[in-house]
Every structure is written in C-alpha cells, then in structure tokens.
C-alpha cells in the first residue's frame, strides 16, 4: 500500500492543502490590514 506513487500523491495533496490555507490566511490578513485604516476606534 505504501508505494512511491501513493506517498507522492499524499505529499502533493498535503502541499496543495497548505497552499490553499496559506492563500486564504494571506488574503484575510491583507483584508484586515486594509480595513484597519478606516476604523475610528
């Protein structure tokens, strides 16, 4: 079961999931930084 193709497939999915999470968090961080300039508190 744990052959090379399976491990590379899991590694590719892991990298893809990390990329999606990082892109979402970066967008949220930039959005919150952009919105912080308009706040009055």
PDB file of N, CA and C in Angstrom:
ATOM      1  N   UNK A   1       0.819  -1.200   0.000  1.00  0.00           N
ATOM      2  CA  UNK A   1       0.000   0.000   0.000  1.00  0.00           C
ATOM      3  C   UNK A   1       0.862   1.262   0.000  1.00  0.00           C
ATOM      4  N   UNK A   2       1.914   1.291   0.785  1.00  0.00           N
ATOM      5  CA  UNK A   2       2.738   2.496   0.859  1.00  0.00           C
ATOM      6  C   UNK A   2       3.848   2.453  -0.186  1.00  0.00           C
ATOM      7  N   UNK A   3       3.455   2.477  -1.454  1.00  0.00           N
ATOM      8  CA  UNK A   3       4.464   2.530  -2.503  1.00  0.00           C
ATOM      9  C   UNK A   3       4.789   3.996  -2.830  1.00  0.00           C
ATOM     10  N   UNK A   4       5.678   4.185  -3.760  1.00  0.00           N
ATOM     11  CA  UNK A   4       6.139   5.537  -4.077  1.00  0.00           C
ATOM     12  C   UNK A   4       5.058   6.413  -4.657  1.00  0.00           C
ATOM     13  N   UNK A   5       4.198   5.848  -5.502  1.00  0.00           N
ATOM     14  CA  UNK A   5       3.142   6.653  -6.116  1.00  0.00           C
ATOM     15  C   UNK A   5       2.146   7.138  -5.069  1.00  0.00           C
ATOM     16  N   UNK A   6       1.822   6.276  -4.110  1.00  0.00           N
ATOM     17  CA  UNK A   6       0.878   6.662  -3.061  1.00  0.00           C
ATOM     18  C   UNK A   6       1.460   7.760  -2.185  1.00  0.00           C
ATOM     19  N   UNK A   7       2.739   7.630  -1.826  1.00  0.00           N
ATOM     20  CA  UNK A   7       3.376   8.645  -0.982  1.00  0.00           C
ATOM     21  C   UNK A   7       3.493   9.977  -1.708  1.00  0.00           C
ATOM     22  N   UNK A   8       3.808   9.952  -2.987  1.00  0.00           N
ATOM     23  CA  UNK A   8       3.908  11.203  -3.728  1.00  0.00           C
ATOM     24  C   UNK A   8       2.532  11.846  -3.884  1.00  0.00           C
ATOM     25  N   UNK A   9       1.497  11.025  -4.006  1.00  0.00           N
ATOM     26  CA  UNK A   9       0.145  11.552  -4.098  1.00  0.00           C
ATOM     27  C   UNK A   9      -0.249  12.242  -2.795  1.00  0.00           C
ATOM     28  N   UNK A  10       0.046  11.609  -1.666  1.00  0.00           N
ATOM     29  CA  UNK A  10      -0.247  12.225  -0.361  1.00  0.00           C
ATOM     30  C   UNK A  10       0.559  13.506  -0.183  1.00  0.00           C
ATOM     31  N   UNK A  11       1.820  13.493  -0.593  1.00  0.00           N
ATOM     32  CA  UNK A  11       2.659  14.681  -0.461  1.00  0.00           C
ATOM     33  C   UNK A  11       2.113  15.821  -1.310  1.00  0.00           C
ATOM     34  N   UNK A  12       1.661  15.505  -2.510  1.00  0.00           N
ATOM     35  CA  UNK A  12       1.105  16.533  -3.386  1.00  0.00           C
ATOM     36  C   UNK A  12      -0.175  17.125  -2.798  1.00  0.00           C
ATOM     37  N   UNK A  13      -1.047  16.276  -2.247  1.00  0.00           N
ATOM     38  CA  UNK A  13      -2.263  16.771  -1.614  1.00  0.00           C
ATOM     39  C   UNK A  13      -1.942  17.616  -0.387  1.00  0.00           C
ATOM     40  N   UNK A  14      -0.920  17.217   0.377  1.00  0.00           N
ATOM     41  CA  UNK A  14      -0.531  17.986   1.557  1.00  0.00           C
ATOM     42  C   UNK A  14      -0.023  19.368   1.163  1.00  0.00           C
ATOM     43  N   UNK A  15       0.814  19.433   0.132  1.00  0.00           N
ATOM     44  CA  UNK A  15       1.327  20.712  -0.330  1.00  0.00           C
ATOM     45  C   UNK A  15       0.187  21.579  -0.872  1.00  0.00           C
ATOM     46  N   UNK A  16      -0.742  20.959  -1.582  1.00  0.00           N
ATOM     47  CA  UNK A  16      -1.876  21.708  -2.103  1.00  0.00           C
ATOM     48  C   UNK A  16      -2.754  22.269  -0.996  1.00  0.00           C
ATOM     49  N   UNK A  17      -3.000  21.466   0.044  1.00  0.00           N
ATOM     50  CA  UNK A  17      -3.812  21.935   1.163  1.00  0.00           C
ATOM     51  C   UNK A  17      -3.113  23.075   1.904  1.00  0.00           C
ATOM     52  N   UNK A  18      -1.810  22.961   2.080  1.00  0.00           N
ATOM     53  CA  UNK A  18      -1.065  24.025   2.736  1.00  0.00           C
ATOM     54  C   UNK A  18      -1.090  25.304   1.908  1.00  0.00           C
ATOM     55  N   UNK A  19      -1.012  25.166   0.580  1.00  0.00           N
ATOM     56  CA  UNK A  19      -1.045  26.336  -0.292  1.00  0.00           C
ATOM     57  C   UNK A  19      -2.396  27.032  -0.220  1.00  0.00           C
ATOM     58  N   UNK A  20      -3.477  26.251  -0.228  1.00  0.00           N
ATOM     59  CA  UNK A  20      -4.815  26.842  -0.151  1.00  0.00           C
ATOM     60  C   UNK A  20      -5.009  27.546   1.187  1.00  0.00           C
ATOM     61  N   UNK A  21      -4.576  26.919   2.280  1.00  0.00           N
ATOM     62  CA  UNK A  21      -4.702  27.541   3.600  1.00  0.00           C
ATOM     63  C   UNK A  21      -3.864  28.816   3.695  1.00  0.00           C
ATOM     64  N   UNK A  22      -2.657  28.779   3.169  1.00  0.00           N
ATOM     65  CA  UNK A  22      -1.794  29.963   3.224  1.00  0.00           C
ATOM     66  C   UNK A  22      -2.364  31.097   2.385  1.00  0.00           C
ATOM     67  N   UNK A  23      -2.926  30.778   1.217  1.00  0.00           N
ATOM     68  CA  UNK A  23      -3.516  31.817   0.380  1.00  0.00           C
ATOM     69  C   UNK A  23      -4.731  32.435   1.076  1.00  0.00           C
ATOM     70  N   UNK A  24      -5.551  31.611   1.699  1.00  0.00           N
ATOM     71  CA  UNK A  24      -6.710  32.142   2.414  1.00  0.00           C
ATOM     72  C   UNK A  24      -6.317  33.005   3.592  1.00  0.00           C
ATOM     73  N   UNK A  25      -5.329  32.566   4.346  1.00  0.00           N
ATOM     74  CA  UNK A  25      -4.895  33.355   5.501  1.00  0.00           C
ATOM     75  C   UNK A  25      -4.216  34.653   5.068  1.00  0.00           C
ATOM     76  N   UNK A  26      -3.455  34.607   3.981  1.00  0.00           N
ATOM     77  CA  UNK A  26      -2.814  35.827   3.482  1.00  0.00           C
ATOM     78  C   UNK A  26      -3.865  36.831   3.005  1.00  0.00           C
ATOM     79  N   UNK A  27      -4.904  36.332   2.327  1.00  0.00           N
ATOM     80  CA  UNK A  27      -5.981  37.221   1.888  1.00  0.00           C
ATOM     81  C   UNK A  27      -6.691  37.841   3.090  1.00  0.00           C
ATOM     82  N   UNK A  28      -6.962  37.038   4.108  1.00  0.00           N
ATOM     83  CA  UNK A  28      -7.638  37.549   5.301  1.00  0.00           C
ATOM     84  C   UNK A  28      -6.763  38.577   6.024  1.00  0.00           C
ATOM     85  N   UNK A  29      -5.461  38.330   6.084  1.00  0.00           N
ATOM     86  CA  UNK A  29      -4.559  39.269   6.752  1.00  0.00           C
ATOM     87  C   UNK A  29      -4.493  40.594   5.992  1.00  0.00           C
ATOM     88  N   UNK A  30      -4.378  40.522   4.674  1.00  0.00           N
ATOM     89  CA  UNK A  30      -4.325  41.757   3.887  1.00  0.00           C
ATOM     90  C   UNK A  30      -5.658  42.502   3.953  1.00  0.00           C
ATOM     91  N   UNK A  31      -6.764  41.759   3.970  1.00  0.00           N
ATOM     92  CA  UNK A  31      -8.073  42.386   4.076  1.00  0.00           C
ATOM     93  C   UNK A  31      -8.220  43.104   5.413  1.00  0.00           C
ATOM     94  N   UNK A  32      -7.788  42.466   6.499  1.00  0.00           N
ATOM     95  CA  UNK A  32      -7.914  43.094   7.811  1.00  0.00           C
ATOM     96  C   UNK A  32      -6.962  44.287   7.949  1.00  0.00           C
ATOM     97  N   UNK A  33      -5.789  44.205   7.335  1.00  0.00           N
ATOM     98  CA  UNK A  33      -4.882  45.347   7.369  1.00  0.00           C
ATOM     99  C   UNK A  33      -5.451  46.507   6.566  1.00  0.00           C
ATOM    100  N   UNK A  34      -6.067  46.213   5.430  1.00  0.00           N
ATOM    101  CA  UNK A  34      -6.671  47.272   4.630  1.00  0.00           C
ATOM    102  C   UNK A  34      -7.855  47.916   5.322  1.00  0.00           C
ATOM    103  N   UNK A  35      -8.634  47.109   6.073  1.00  0.00           N
ATOM    104  CA  UNK A  35      -9.794  47.650   6.769  1.00  0.00           C
ATOM    105  C   UNK A  35      -9.401  48.423   8.024  1.00  0.00           C
ATOM    106  N   UNK A  36      -8.223  48.154   8.578  1.00  0.00           N
ATOM    107  CA  UNK A  36      -7.862  48.798   9.847  1.00  0.00           C
ATOM    108  C   UNK A  36      -7.632  50.295   9.676  1.00  0.00           C
ATOM    109  N   UNK A  37      -7.343  50.757   8.474  1.00  0.00           N
ATOM    110  CA  UNK A  37      -7.139  52.162   8.255  1.00  0.00           C
ATOM    111  C   UNK A  37      -8.411  52.986   8.313  1.00  0.00           C
ATOM    112  N   UNK A  38      -9.553  52.328   8.147  1.00  0.00           N
ATOM    113  CA  UNK A  38     -10.822  53.037   8.121  1.00  0.00           C
ATOM    114  C   UNK A  38     -11.541  53.043   9.464  1.00  0.00           C
ATOM    115  N   UNK A  39     -11.011  52.327  10.431  1.00  0.00           N
ATOM    116  CA  UNK A  39     -11.684  52.241  11.727  1.00  0.00           C
ATOM    117  C   UNK A  39     -11.450  53.493  12.546  1.00  0.00           C
ATOM    118  N   UNK A  40     -12.434  53.853  13.353  1.00  0.00           N
ATOM    119  CA  UNK A  40     -12.310  55.051  14.183  1.00  0.00           C
ATOM    120  C   UNK A  40     -11.903  54.722  15.614  1.00  0.00           C
ATOM    121  N   UNK A  41     -11.997  53.459  16.013  1.00  0.00           N
ATOM    122  CA  UNK A  41     -11.641  53.118  17.393  1.00  0.00           C
ATOM    123  C   UNK A  41     -10.182  52.928  17.475  1.00  0.00           C
TER     124      UNK A  41
END
